[in-house]
Amino acid sequence: MGKGLAERSGEPDISPGGCYRVELFKPFWVLPMMFHSMPHPDSEVPRRWLPWWEYPAFFRLYDHRTGELIPETEVYDLASASGPLDWGDGSGEVSAGMISIGPNIPDCMNDHPARVNPQ
C-alpha cells in the first residue's frame, strides 16, 4: 500500500537508552487518498472506507544498535491516532499515542540494554 516509494518525514527519533530508532514515512499513493481504506489502531474497530485523511503516515522501528528493522506499521492517520513516543517502559511495546509500533526486543526491554556478563 504505497510503502515501497515512501518518503521519510523528518529526522529519526532515537530512544534515550539507545536501543531503538523510529522513523516516520509518508506513503506514496498513486490513487487519491480517499480510495485507501483507513485502519484504526484498535483492530476491533472496522476500517473506514472513503475516509478523509489528514496526515497519512507509517512507522518503522529499528534496533538502533544493529540497524535491523523490527517491524513496520500500517498506514494510519496520525492526526487522529498518534501521540508522544513511548519506548516501552512497563508495556514492552514501542508506541506513538494509540499506535503500537512494535515490541521491545528481549535484550533491550523497556529501552534498557541487557548487561553483558564478562566470561
PDB file of N, CA and C in Angstrom:
ATOM      1  N   MET A   1       0.827  -1.183   0.000  1.00  0.00           N
ATOM      2  CA  MET A   1       0.000   0.000   0.000  1.00  0.00           C
ATOM      3  C   MET A   1       0.873   1.249   0.000  1.00  0.00           C
ATOM      4  N   GLY A   2       1.685   1.423  -1.008  1.00  0.00           N
ATOM      5  CA  GLY A   2       2.430   2.652  -1.167  1.00  0.00           C
ATOM      6  C   GLY A   2       3.641   2.824  -0.274  1.00  0.00           C
ATOM      7  N   LYS A   3       4.171   1.725   0.281  1.00  0.00           N
ATOM      8  CA  LYS A   3       5.299   1.859   1.198  1.00  0.00           C
ATOM      9  C   LYS A   3       6.642   1.794   0.489  1.00  0.00           C
ATOM     10  N   GLY A   4       6.689   1.155  -0.670  1.00  0.00           N
ATOM     11  CA  GLY A   4       7.949   0.973  -1.372  1.00  0.00           C
ATOM     12  C   GLY A   4       8.625   2.271  -1.787  1.00  0.00           C
ATOM     13  N   LEU A   5       7.846   3.248  -2.213  1.00  0.00           N
ATOM     14  CA  LEU A   5       8.391   4.532  -2.649  1.00  0.00           C
ATOM     15  C   LEU A   5       8.135   5.631  -1.624  1.00  0.00           C
ATOM     16  N   ALA A   6       7.871   5.234  -0.399  1.00  0.00           N
ATOM     17  CA  ALA A   6       7.557   6.198   0.660  1.00  0.00           C
ATOM     18  C   ALA A   6       8.746   7.108   0.939  1.00  0.00           C
ATOM     19  N   GLU A   7       8.438   8.338   1.349  1.00  0.00           N
ATOM     20  CA  GLU A   7       9.466   9.319   1.720  1.00  0.00           C
ATOM     21  C   GLU A   7       9.534   9.428   3.230  1.00  0.00           C
ATOM     22  N   ARG A   8      10.755   9.439   3.761  1.00  0.00           N
ATOM     23  CA  ARG A   8      10.895   9.642   5.198  1.00  0.00           C
ATOM     24  C   ARG A   8      10.495  11.071   5.530  1.00  0.00           C
ATOM     25  N   SER A   9       9.805  11.217   6.640  1.00  0.00           N
ATOM     26  CA  SER A   9       9.330  12.519   7.081  1.00  0.00           C
ATOM     27  C   SER A   9      10.085  12.923   8.340  1.00  0.00           C
ATOM     28  N   GLY A  10      10.898  13.938   8.252  1.00  0.00           N
ATOM     29  CA  GLY A  10      11.641  14.416   9.414  1.00  0.00           C
ATOM     30  C   GLY A  10      12.827  13.536   9.764  1.00  0.00           C
ATOM     31  N   GLU A  11      13.410  13.832  10.913  1.00  0.00           N
ATOM     32  CA  GLU A  11      14.574  13.091  11.396  1.00  0.00           C
ATOM     33  C   GLU A  11      14.128  11.909  12.252  1.00  0.00           C
ATOM     34  N   PRO A  12      14.934  10.849  12.317  1.00  0.00           N
ATOM     35  CA  PRO A  12      14.584   9.702  13.161  1.00  0.00           C
ATOM     36  C   PRO A  12      14.575  10.091  14.639  1.00  0.00           C
ATOM     37  N   ASP A  13      13.766   9.382  15.420  1.00  0.00           N
ATOM     38  CA  ASP A  13      13.766   9.520  16.879  1.00  0.00           C
ATOM     39  C   ASP A  13      14.531   8.339  17.444  1.00  0.00           C
ATOM     40  N   ILE A  14      15.489   8.613  18.312  1.00  0.00           N
ATOM     41  CA  ILE A  14      16.302   7.563  18.933  1.00  0.00           C
ATOM     42  C   ILE A  14      15.952   7.517  20.411  1.00  0.00           C
ATOM     43  N   SER A  15      15.722   6.312  20.909  1.00  0.00           N
ATOM     44  CA  SER A  15      15.320   6.148  22.306  1.00  0.00           C
ATOM     45  C   SER A  15      16.427   6.606  23.244  1.00  0.00           C
ATOM     46  N   PRO A  16      16.064   7.063  24.452  1.00  0.00           N
ATOM     47  CA  PRO A  16      17.073   7.547  25.407  1.00  0.00           C
ATOM     48  C   PRO A  16      18.131   6.503  25.757  1.00  0.00           C
ATOM     49  N   GLY A  17      17.747   5.221  25.811  1.00  0.00           N
ATOM     50  CA  GLY A  17      18.703   4.162  26.132  1.00  0.00           C
ATOM     51  C   GLY A  17      19.526   3.705  24.937  1.00  0.00           C
ATOM     52  N   GLY A  18      19.199   4.212  23.739  1.00  0.00           N
ATOM     53  CA  GLY A  18      19.955   3.884  22.538  1.00  0.00           C
ATOM     54  C   GLY A  18      19.599   2.570  21.881  1.00  0.00           C
ATOM     55  N   CYS A  19      18.532   1.911  22.334  1.00  0.00           N
ATOM     56  CA  CYS A  19      18.157   0.613  21.758  1.00  0.00           C
ATOM     57  C   CYS A  19      17.378   0.737  20.454  1.00  0.00           C
ATOM     58  N   TYR A  20      16.523   1.747  20.355  1.00  0.00           N
ATOM     59  CA  TYR A  20      15.557   1.807  19.264  1.00  0.00           C
ATOM     60  C   TYR A  20      15.661   3.102  18.472  1.00  0.00           C
ATOM     61  N   ARG A  21      15.270   2.995  17.204  1.00  0.00           N
ATOM     62  CA  ARG A  21      15.151   4.161  16.326  1.00  0.00           C
ATOM     63  C   ARG A  21      13.805   4.047  15.624  1.00  0.00           C
ATOM     64  N   VAL A  22      13.035   5.110  15.643  1.00  0.00           N
ATOM     65  CA  VAL A  22      11.746   5.150  14.959  1.00  0.00           C
ATOM     66  C   VAL A  22      11.847   6.167  13.838  1.00  0.00           C
ATOM     67  N   GLU A  23      11.423   5.740  12.656  1.00  0.00           N
ATOM     68  CA  GLU A  23      11.380   6.638  11.506  1.00  0.00           C
ATOM     69  C   GLU A  23       9.942   6.714  11.018  1.00  0.00           C
ATOM     70  N   LEU A  24       9.535   7.899  10.608  1.00  0.00           N
ATOM     71  CA  LEU A  24       8.184   8.164  10.133  1.00  0.00           C
ATOM     72  C   LEU A  24       8.235   8.350   8.618  1.00  0.00           C
ATOM     73  N   PHE A  25       7.279   7.740   7.915  1.00  0.00           N
ATOM     74  CA  PHE A  25       7.247   7.803   6.454  1.00  0.00           C
ATOM     75  C   PHE A  25       5.881   8.232   5.953  1.00  0.00           C
ATOM     76  N   LYS A  26       5.885   8.992   4.880  1.00  0.00           N
ATOM     77  CA  LYS A  26       4.665   9.362   4.177  1.00  0.00           C
ATOM     78  C   LYS A  26       4.512   8.392   3.008  1.00  0.00           C
ATOM     79  N   PRO A  27       3.352   7.711   2.902  1.00  0.00           N
ATOM     80  CA  PRO A  27       3.195   6.735   1.819  1.00  0.00           C
ATOM     81  C   PRO A  27       3.134   7.416   0.453  1.00  0.00           C
ATOM     82  N   PHE A  28       3.532   6.673  -0.558  1.00  0.00           N
ATOM     83  CA  PHE A  28       3.410   7.134  -1.938  1.00  0.00           C
ATOM     84  C   PHE A  28       2.190   6.430  -2.521  1.00  0.00           C
ATOM     85  N   TRP A  29       1.131   7.172  -2.731  1.00  0.00           N
ATOM     86  CA  TRP A  29      -0.105   6.607  -3.262  1.00  0.00           C
ATOM     87  C   TRP A  29      -0.344   7.131  -4.661  1.00  0.00           C
ATOM     88  N   VAL A  30      -0.666   6.223  -5.586  1.00  0.00           N
ATOM     89  CA  VAL A  30      -0.988   6.607  -6.953  1.00  0.00           C
ATOM     90  C   VAL A  30      -2.425   7.121  -7.005  1.00  0.00           C
ATOM     91  N   LEU A  31      -3.327   6.421  -6.309  1.00  0.00           N
ATOM     92  CA  LEU A  31      -4.732   6.826  -6.267  1.00  0.00           C
ATOM     93  C   LEU A  31      -4.932   7.930  -5.232  1.00  0.00           C
ATOM     94  N   PRO A  32      -5.976   8.727  -5.372  1.00  0.00           N
ATOM     95  CA  PRO A  32      -6.269   9.735  -4.348  1.00  0.00           C
ATOM     96  C   PRO A  32      -6.460   9.084  -2.973  1.00  0.00           C
ATOM     97  N   MET A  33      -6.155   9.839  -1.921  1.00  0.00           N
ATOM     98  CA  MET A  33      -6.206   9.308  -0.557  1.00  0.00           C
ATOM     99  C   MET A  33      -7.545   8.682  -0.208  1.00  0.00           C
ATOM    100  N   MET A  34      -8.639   9.245  -0.694  1.00  0.00           N
ATOM    101  CA  MET A  34      -9.956   8.737  -0.310  1.00  0.00           C
ATOM    102  C   MET A  34     -10.193   7.295  -0.765  1.00  0.00           C
ATOM    103  N   PHE A  35      -9.405   6.800  -1.709  1.00  0.00           N
ATOM    104  CA  PHE A  35      -9.576   5.426  -2.181  1.00  0.00           C
ATOM    105  C   PHE A  35      -8.763   4.416  -1.377  1.00  0.00           C
ATOM    106  N   HIS A  36      -8.124   4.866  -0.310  1.00  0.00           N
ATOM    107  CA  HIS A  36      -7.371   3.978   0.580  1.00  0.00           C
ATOM    108  C   HIS A  36      -8.130   3.878   1.892  1.00  0.00           C
ATOM    109  N   SER A  37      -8.530   2.655   2.248  1.00  0.00           N
ATOM    110  CA  SER A  37      -9.270   2.482   3.500  1.00  0.00           C
ATOM    111  C   SER A  37      -8.384   2.871   4.676  1.00  0.00           C
ATOM    112  N   MET A  38      -9.028   3.327   5.748  1.00  0.00           N
ATOM    113  CA  MET A  38      -8.293   3.815   6.912  1.00  0.00           C
ATOM    114  C   MET A  38      -8.448   2.833   8.075  1.00  0.00           C
ATOM    115  N   PRO A  39      -7.341   2.196   8.500  1.00  0.00           N
ATOM    116  CA  PRO A  39      -7.425   1.309   9.662  1.00  0.00           C
ATOM    117  C   PRO A  39      -7.449   2.115  10.955  1.00  0.00           C
ATOM    118  N   HIS A  40      -7.972   1.488  11.979  1.00  0.00           N
ATOM    119  CA  HIS A  40      -7.940   2.076  13.328  1.00  0.00           C
ATOM    120  C   HIS A  40      -6.882   1.310  14.111  1.00  0.00           C
ATOM    121  N   PRO A  41      -6.133   1.958  15.005  1.00  0.00           N
ATOM    122  CA  PRO A  41      -5.113   1.238  15.785  1.00  0.00           C
ATOM    123  C   PRO A  41      -5.667   0.073  16.608  1.00  0.00           C
ATOM    124  N   ASP A  42      -6.936   0.158  16.992  1.00  0.00           N
ATOM    125  CA  ASP A  42      -7.594  -0.949  17.689  1.00  0.00           C
ATOM    126  C   ASP A  42      -8.161  -1.870  16.619  1.00  0.00           C
ATOM    127  N   SER A  43      -7.607  -3.061  16.480  1.00  0.00           N
ATOM    128  CA  SER A  43      -8.010  -3.975  15.402  1.00  0.00           C
ATOM    129  C   SER A  43      -9.476  -4.388  15.489  1.00  0.00           C
ATOM    130  N   GLU A  44     -10.126  -4.163  16.631  1.00  0.00           N
ATOM    131  CA  GLU A  44     -11.552  -4.488  16.779  1.00  0.00           C
ATOM    132  C   GLU A  44     -12.447  -3.466  16.066  1.00  0.00           C
ATOM    133  N   VAL A  45     -11.920  -2.283  15.808  1.00  0.00           N
ATOM    134  CA  VAL A  45     -12.693  -1.234  15.134  1.00  0.00           C
ATOM    135  C   VAL A  45     -12.556  -1.439  13.630  1.00  0.00           C
ATOM    136  N   PRO A  46     -13.684  -1.488  12.896  1.00  0.00           N
ATOM    137  CA  PRO A  46     -13.601  -1.725  11.446  1.00  0.00           C
ATOM    138  C   PRO A  46     -12.899  -0.589  10.697  1.00  0.00           C
ATOM    139  N   ARG A  47     -12.316  -0.962   9.557  1.00  0.00           N
ATOM    140  CA  ARG A  47     -11.674   0.024   8.678  1.00  0.00           C
ATOM    141  C   ARG A  47     -12.735   0.986   8.150  1.00  0.00           C
ATOM    142  N   ARG A  48     -12.316   2.229   7.912  1.00  0.00           N
ATOM    143  CA  ARG A  48     -13.222   3.216   7.312  1.00  0.00           C
ATOM    144  C   ARG A  48     -12.963   3.256   5.814  1.00  0.00           C
ATOM    145  N   TRP A  49     -14.044   3.257   5.060  1.00  0.00           N
ATOM    146  CA  TRP A  49     -13.947   3.320   3.607  1.00  0.00           C
ATOM    147  C   TRP A  49     -14.298   4.725   3.144  1.00  0.00           C
ATOM    148  N   LEU A  50     -13.641   5.190   2.111  1.00  0.00           N
ATOM    149  CA  LEU A  50     -13.770   6.544   1.574  1.00  0.00           C
ATOM    150  C   LEU A  50     -13.534   7.585   2.676  1.00  0.00           C
ATOM    151  N   PRO A  51     -12.414   7.448   3.393  1.00  0.00           N
ATOM    152  CA  PRO A  51     -12.145   8.348   4.518  1.00  0.00           C
ATOM    153  C   PRO A  51     -11.548   9.681   4.074  1.00  0.00           C
ATOM    154  N   TRP A  52     -11.541  10.613   4.998  1.00  0.00           N
ATOM    155  CA  TRP A  52     -10.851  11.884   4.797  1.00  0.00           C
ATOM    156  C   TRP A  52      -9.556  11.812   5.592  1.00  0.00           C
ATOM    157  N   TRP A  53      -8.422  11.641   4.910  1.00  0.00           N
ATOM    158  CA  TRP A  53      -7.115  11.552   5.554  1.00  0.00           C
ATOM    159  C   TRP A  53      -6.576  12.953   5.796  1.00  0.00           C
ATOM    160  N   GLU A  54      -6.036  13.195   6.994  1.00  0.00           N
ATOM    161  CA  GLU A  54      -5.371  14.468   7.268  1.00  0.00           C
ATOM    162  C   GLU A  54      -3.853  14.321   7.177  1.00  0.00           C
ATOM    163  N   TYR A  55      -3.312  13.266   7.799  1.00  0.00           N
ATOM    164  CA  TYR A  55      -1.857  13.091   7.854  1.00  0.00           C
ATOM    165  C   TYR A  55      -1.530  11.599   7.778  1.00  0.00           C
ATOM    166  N   PRO A  56      -1.630  10.994   6.574  1.00  0.00           N
ATOM    167  CA  PRO A  56      -1.314   9.573   6.457  1.00  0.00           C
ATOM    168  C   PRO A  56       0.186   9.333   6.597  1.00  0.00           C
ATOM    169  N   ALA A  57       0.535   8.347   7.396  1.00  0.00           N
ATOM    170  CA  ALA A  57       1.948   8.014   7.596  1.00  0.00           C
ATOM    171  C   ALA A  57       2.048   6.644   8.253  1.00  0.00           C
ATOM    172  N   PHE A  58       3.260   6.086   8.216  1.00  0.00           N
ATOM    173  CA  PHE A  58       3.512   4.829   8.919  1.00  0.00           C
ATOM    174  C   PHE A  58       4.882   4.905   9.563  1.00  0.00           C
ATOM    175  N   PHE A  59       5.097   4.016  10.521  1.00  0.00           N
ATOM    176  CA  PHE A  59       6.341   3.995  11.290  1.00  0.00           C
ATOM    177  C   PHE A  59       7.160   2.756  10.956  1.00  0.00           C
ATOM    178  N   ARG A  60       8.459   2.908  11.035  1.00  0.00           N
ATOM    179  CA  ARG A  60       9.386   1.772  11.006  1.00  0.00           C
ATOM    180  C   ARG A  60      10.200   1.825  12.291  1.00  0.00           C
ATOM    181  N   LEU A  61      10.298   0.675  12.956  1.00  0.00           N
ATOM    182  CA  LEU A  61      11.049   0.556  14.205  1.00  0.00           C
ATOM    183  C   LEU A  61      12.294  -0.272  13.936  1.00  0.00           C
ATOM    184  N   TYR A  62      13.448   0.263  14.326  1.00  0.00           N
ATOM    185  CA  TYR A  62      14.728  -0.409  14.117  1.00  0.00           C
ATOM    186  C   TYR A  62      15.423  -0.657  15.447  1.00  0.00           C
ATOM    187  N   ASP A  63      16.237  -1.716  15.471  1.00  0.00           N
ATOM    188  CA  ASP A  63      17.204  -1.887  16.553  1.00  0.00           C
ATOM    189  C   ASP A  63      18.311  -0.898  16.211  1.00  0.00           C
ATOM    190  N   HIS A  64      18.435   0.156  16.984  1.00  0.00           N
ATOM    191  CA  HIS A  64      19.385   1.224  16.655  1.00  0.00           C
ATOM    192  C   HIS A  64      20.835   0.743  16.749  1.00  0.00           C
ATOM    193  N   ARG A  65      21.077  -0.308  17.524  1.00  0.00           N
ATOM    194  CA  ARG A  65      22.447  -0.806  17.694  1.00  0.00           C
ATOM    195  C   ARG A  65      22.927  -1.570  16.469  1.00  0.00           C
ATOM    196  N   THR A  66      22.001  -2.250  15.760  1.00  0.00           N
ATOM    197  CA  THR A  66      22.386  -3.073  14.610  1.00  0.00           C
ATOM    198  C   THR A  66      21.844  -2.548  13.282  1.00  0.00           C
ATOM    199  N   GLY A  67      20.830  -1.672  13.343  1.00  0.00           N
ATOM    200  CA  GLY A  67      20.195  -1.179  12.126  1.00  0.00           C
ATOM    201  C   GLY A  67      19.118  -2.102  11.593  1.00  0.00           C
ATOM    202  N   GLU A  68      18.857  -3.215  12.282  1.00  0.00           N
ATOM    203  CA  GLU A  68      17.873  -4.198  11.819  1.00  0.00           C
ATOM    204  C   GLU A  68      16.452  -3.673  12.010  1.00  0.00           C
ATOM    205  N   LEU A  69      15.631  -3.817  10.948  1.00  0.00           N
ATOM    206  CA  LEU A  69      14.221  -3.443  11.014  1.00  0.00           C
ATOM    207  C   LEU A  69      13.495  -4.446  11.894  1.00  0.00           C
ATOM    208  N   ILE A  70      12.766  -3.959  12.887  1.00  0.00           N
ATOM    209  CA  ILE A  70      11.996  -4.847  13.762  1.00  0.00           C
ATOM    210  C   ILE A  70      10.625  -5.043  13.116  1.00  0.00           C
ATOM    211  N   PRO A  71       9.688  -4.070  13.134  1.00  0.00           N
ATOM    212  CA  PRO A  71       8.500  -4.145  12.303  1.00  0.00           C
ATOM    213  C   PRO A  71       8.230  -2.797  11.643  1.00  0.00           C
ATOM    214  N   GLU A  72       7.170  -2.807  10.887  1.00  0.00           N
ATOM    215  CA  GLU A  72       6.668  -1.623  10.199  1.00  0.00           C
ATOM    216  C   GLU A  72       5.164  -1.609  10.444  1.00  0.00           C
ATOM    217  N   THR A  73       4.583  -0.452  10.713  1.00  0.00           N
ATOM    218  CA  THR A  73       3.148  -0.383  10.974  1.00  0.00           C
ATOM    219  C   THR A  73       2.360  -0.259   9.679  1.00  0.00           C
ATOM    220  N   GLU A  74       1.049  -0.336   9.817  1.00  0.00           N
ATOM    221  CA  GLU A  74       0.156   0.014   8.722  1.00  0.00           C
ATOM    222  C   GLU A  74       0.198   1.531   8.566  1.00  0.00           C
ATOM    223  N   VAL A  75      -0.425   2.025   7.509  1.00  0.00           N
ATOM    224  CA  VAL A  75      -0.564   3.467   7.330  1.00  0.00           C
ATOM    225  C   VAL A  75      -1.765   3.908   8.166  1.00  0.00           C
ATOM    226  N   TYR A  76      -1.537   4.871   9.050  1.00  0.00           N
ATOM    227  CA  TYR A  76      -2.593   5.419   9.901  1.00  0.00           C
ATOM    228  C   TYR A  76      -2.700   6.914   9.654  1.00  0.00           C
ATOM    229  N   ASP A  77      -3.829   7.490  10.070  1.00  0.00           N
ATOM    230  CA  ASP A  77      -3.973   8.940  10.041  1.00  0.00           C
ATOM    231  C   ASP A  77      -3.441   9.465  11.365  1.00  0.00           C
ATOM    232  N   LEU A  78      -2.253  10.044  11.330  1.00  0.00           N
ATOM    233  CA  LEU A  78      -1.615  10.485  12.562  1.00  0.00           C
ATOM    234  C   LEU A  78      -2.348  11.642  13.225  1.00  0.00           C
ATOM    235  N   ALA A  79      -3.168  12.362  12.470  1.00  0.00           N
ATOM    236  CA  ALA A  79      -3.915  13.474  13.062  1.00  0.00           C
ATOM    237  C   ALA A  79      -4.875  12.987  14.138  1.00  0.00           C
ATOM    238  N   SER A  80      -5.368  11.759  14.012  1.00  0.00           N
ATOM    239  CA  SER A  80      -6.345  11.264  14.984  1.00  0.00           C
ATOM    240  C   SER A  80      -5.817  10.148  15.873  1.00  0.00           C
ATOM    241  N   ALA A  81      -4.728   9.487  15.512  1.00  0.00           N
ATOM    242  CA  ALA A  81      -4.305   8.302  16.264  1.00  0.00           C
ATOM    243  C   ALA A  81      -2.947   8.420  16.934  1.00  0.00           C
ATOM    244  N   SER A  82      -2.110   9.341  16.508  1.00  0.00           N
ATOM    245  CA  SER A  82      -0.742   9.393  17.011  1.00  0.00           C
ATOM    246  C   SER A  82      -0.628  10.241  18.272  1.00  0.00           C
ATOM    247  N   GLY A  83       0.529  10.154  18.885  1.00  0.00           N
ATOM    248  CA  GLY A  83       0.813  10.925  20.085  1.00  0.00           C
ATOM    249  C   GLY A  83       2.285  10.805  20.410  1.00  0.00           C
ATOM    250  N   PRO A  84       2.680  11.152  21.642  1.00  0.00           N
ATOM    251  CA  PRO A  84       4.093  11.078  22.017  1.00  0.00           C
ATOM    252  C   PRO A  84       4.630   9.649  21.954  1.00  0.00           C
ATOM    253  N   LEU A  85       5.909   9.530  21.642  1.00  0.00           N
ATOM    254  CA  LEU A  85       6.546   8.213  21.616  1.00  0.00           C
ATOM    255  C   LEU A  85       6.722   7.680  23.027  1.00  0.00           C
ATOM    256  N   ASP A  86       6.439   6.388  23.189  1.00  0.00           N
ATOM    257  CA  ASP A  86       6.672   5.672  24.445  1.00  0.00           C
ATOM    258  C   ASP A  86       7.573   4.507  24.070  1.00  0.00           C
ATOM    259  N   TRP A  87       8.705   4.388  24.708  1.00  0.00           N
ATOM    260  CA  TRP A  87       9.713   3.390  24.337  1.00  0.00           C
ATOM    261  C   TRP A  87       9.486   2.034  24.992  1.00  0.00           C
ATOM    262  N   GLY A  88       8.363   1.835  25.661  1.00  0.00           N
ATOM    263  CA  GLY A  88       8.037   0.518  26.203  1.00  0.00           C
ATOM    264  C   GLY A  88       8.207   0.385  27.686  1.00  0.00           C
ATOM    265  N   ASP A  89       8.408   1.481  28.381  1.00  0.00           N
ATOM    266  CA  ASP A  89       8.615   1.419  29.827  1.00  0.00           C
ATOM    267  C   ASP A  89       7.390   0.810  30.497  1.00  0.00           C
ATOM    268  N   GLY A  90       7.511  -0.425  30.912  1.00  0.00           N
ATOM    269  CA  GLY A  90       6.421  -1.127  31.579  1.00  0.00           C
ATOM    270  C   GLY A  90       5.524  -1.917  30.659  1.00  0.00           C
ATOM    271  N   SER A  91       5.374  -1.500  29.408  1.00  0.00           N
ATOM    272  CA  SER A  91       4.460  -2.192  28.494  1.00  0.00           C
ATOM    273  C   SER A  91       5.171  -3.195  27.599  1.00  0.00           C
ATOM    274  N   GLY A  92       6.463  -2.977  27.348  1.00  0.00           N
ATOM    275  CA  GLY A  92       7.187  -3.849  26.427  1.00  0.00           C
ATOM    276  C   GLY A  92       6.889  -3.563  24.969  1.00  0.00           C
ATOM    277  N   GLU A  93       6.196  -2.451  24.689  1.00  0.00           N
ATOM    278  CA  GLU A  93       5.834  -2.068  23.325  1.00  0.00           C
ATOM    279  C   GLU A  93       6.258  -0.631  23.064  1.00  0.00           C
ATOM    280  N   VAL A  94       6.855  -0.389  21.910  1.00  0.00           N
ATOM    281  CA  VAL A  94       7.118   0.976  21.472  1.00  0.00           C
ATOM    282  C   VAL A  94       5.831   1.461  20.816  1.00  0.00           C
ATOM    283  N   SER A  95       5.369   2.649  21.195  1.00  0.00           N
ATOM    284  CA  SER A  95       4.111   3.150  20.654  1.00  0.00           C
ATOM    285  C   SER A  95       4.170   4.659  20.473  1.00  0.00           C
ATOM    286  N   ALA A  96       3.225   5.143  19.677  1.00  0.00           N
ATOM    287  CA  ALA A  96       3.030   6.580  19.478  1.00  0.00           C
ATOM    288  C   ALA A  96       1.539   6.830  19.639  1.00  0.00           C
ATOM    289  N   GLY A  97       1.139   7.353  20.783  1.00  0.00           N
ATOM    290  CA  GLY A  97      -0.288   7.526  21.046  1.00  0.00           C
ATOM    291  C   GLY A  97      -0.972   6.173  21.076  1.00  0.00           C
ATOM    292  N   MET A  98      -2.019   6.004  20.262  1.00  0.00           N
ATOM    293  CA  MET A  98      -2.758   4.737  20.203  1.00  0.00           C
ATOM    294  C   MET A  98      -2.099   3.716  19.284  1.00  0.00           C
ATOM    295  N   ILE A  99      -1.069   4.100  18.560  1.00  0.00           N
ATOM    296  CA  ILE A  99      -0.458   3.224  17.555  1.00  0.00           C
ATOM    297  C   ILE A  99       0.666   2.403  18.175  1.00  0.00           C
ATOM    298  N   SER A 100       0.508   1.085  18.142  1.00  0.00           N
ATOM    299  CA  SER A 100       1.585   0.190  18.565  1.00  0.00           C
ATOM    300  C   SER A 100       2.553   0.057  17.402  1.00  0.00           C
ATOM    301  N   ILE A 101       3.804   0.456  17.626  1.00  0.00           N
ATOM    302  CA  ILE A 101       4.800   0.405  16.552  1.00  0.00           C
ATOM    303  C   ILE A 101       5.495  -0.947  16.527  1.00  0.00           C
ATOM    304  N   GLY A 102       5.786  -1.505  17.688  1.00  0.00           N
ATOM    305  CA  GLY A 102       6.412  -2.822  17.727  1.00  0.00           C
ATOM    306  C   GLY A 102       6.885  -3.183  19.118  1.00  0.00           C
ATOM    307  N   PRO A 103       7.273  -4.443  19.281  1.00  0.00           N
ATOM    308  CA  PRO A 103       7.684  -4.929  20.600  1.00  0.00           C
ATOM    309  C   PRO A 103       9.114  -4.531  20.951  1.00  0.00           C
ATOM    310  N   ASN A 104       9.369  -4.470  22.249  1.00  0.00           N
ATOM    311  CA  ASN A 104      10.756  -4.361  22.711  1.00  0.00           C
ATOM    312  C   ASN A 104      11.441  -5.683  22.394  1.00  0.00           C
ATOM    313  N   ILE A 105      12.725  -5.628  22.068  1.00  0.00           N
ATOM    314  CA  ILE A 105      13.464  -6.858  21.809  1.00  0.00           C
ATOM    315  C   ILE A 105      13.992  -7.401  23.139  1.00  0.00           C
ATOM    316  N   PRO A 106      14.152  -8.727  23.247  1.00  0.00           N
ATOM    317  CA  PRO A 106      14.481  -9.349  24.537  1.00  0.00           C
ATOM    318  C   PRO A 106      15.704  -8.782  25.243  1.00  0.00           C
ATOM    319  N   ASP A 107      16.744  -8.394  24.502  1.00  0.00           N
ATOM    320  CA  ASP A 107      17.943  -7.902  25.187  1.00  0.00           C
ATOM    321  C   ASP A 107      17.913  -6.393  25.436  1.00  0.00           C
ATOM    322  N   CYS A 108      16.735  -5.777  25.245  1.00  0.00           N
ATOM    323  CA  CYS A 108      16.621  -4.339  25.498  1.00  0.00           C
ATOM    324  C   CYS A 108      15.189  -3.989  25.924  1.00  0.00           C
ATOM    325  N   MET A 109      14.686  -4.720  26.925  1.00  0.00           N
ATOM    326  CA  MET A 109      13.337  -4.465  27.422  1.00  0.00           C
ATOM    327  C   MET A 109      13.279  -3.090  28.078  1.00  0.00           C
ATOM    328  N   ASN A 110      12.172  -2.395  27.849  1.00  0.00           N
ATOM    329  CA  ASN A 110      11.942  -1.069  28.428  1.00  0.00           C
ATOM    330  C   ASN A 110      13.059  -0.082  28.090  1.00  0.00           C
ATOM    331  N   ASP A 111      13.736  -0.307  26.957  1.00  0.00           N
ATOM    332  CA  ASP A 111      14.825   0.551  26.475  1.00  0.00           C
ATOM    333  C   ASP A 111      16.038   0.535  27.403  1.00  0.00           C
ATOM    334  N   HIS A 112      16.235  -0.592  28.101  1.00  0.00           N
ATOM    335  CA  HIS A 112      17.405  -0.769  28.962  1.00  0.00           C
ATOM    336  C   HIS A 112      18.223  -1.928  28.406  1.00  0.00           C
ATOM    337  N   PRO A 113      19.389  -1.652  27.805  1.00  0.00           N
ATOM    338  CA  PRO A 113      20.207  -2.740  27.255  1.00  0.00           C
ATOM    339  C   PRO A 113      20.595  -3.736  28.345  1.00  0.00           C
ATOM    340  N   ALA A 114      20.536  -5.020  27.983  1.00  0.00           N
ATOM    341  CA  ALA A 114      20.954  -6.067  28.920  1.00  0.00           C
ATOM    342  C   ALA A 114      22.456  -5.960  29.142  1.00  0.00           C
ATOM    343  N   ARG A 115      22.852  -6.204  30.351  1.00  0.00           N
ATOM    344  CA  ARG A 115      24.290  -6.180  30.668  1.00  0.00           C
ATOM    345  C   ARG A 115      24.930  -7.465  30.145  1.00  0.00           C
ATOM    346  N   VAL A 116      26.082  -7.310  29.557  1.00  0.00           N
ATOM    347  CA  VAL A 116      26.828  -8.470  29.069  1.00  0.00           C
ATOM    348  C   VAL A 116      27.735  -8.932  30.201  1.00  0.00           C
ATOM    349  N   ASN A 117      27.608 -10.203  30.555  1.00  0.00           N
ATOM    350  CA  ASN A 117      28.447 -10.752  31.621  1.00  0.00           C
ATOM    351  C   ASN A 117      29.799 -11.142  31.049  1.00  0.00           C
ATOM    352  N   PRO A 118      30.894 -10.593  31.591  1.00  0.00           N
ATOM    353  CA  PRO A 118      32.216 -10.977  31.087  1.00  0.00           C
ATOM    354  C   PRO A 118      32.498 -12.442  31.392  1.00  0.00           C
ATOM    355  N   GLN A 119      33.175 -13.091  30.490  1.00  0.00           N
ATOM    356  CA  GLN A 119      33.459 -14.529  30.636  1.00  0.00           C
ATOM    357  C   GLN A 119      34.827 -14.742  31.212  1.00  0.00           C
TER     358      GLN A 119
END
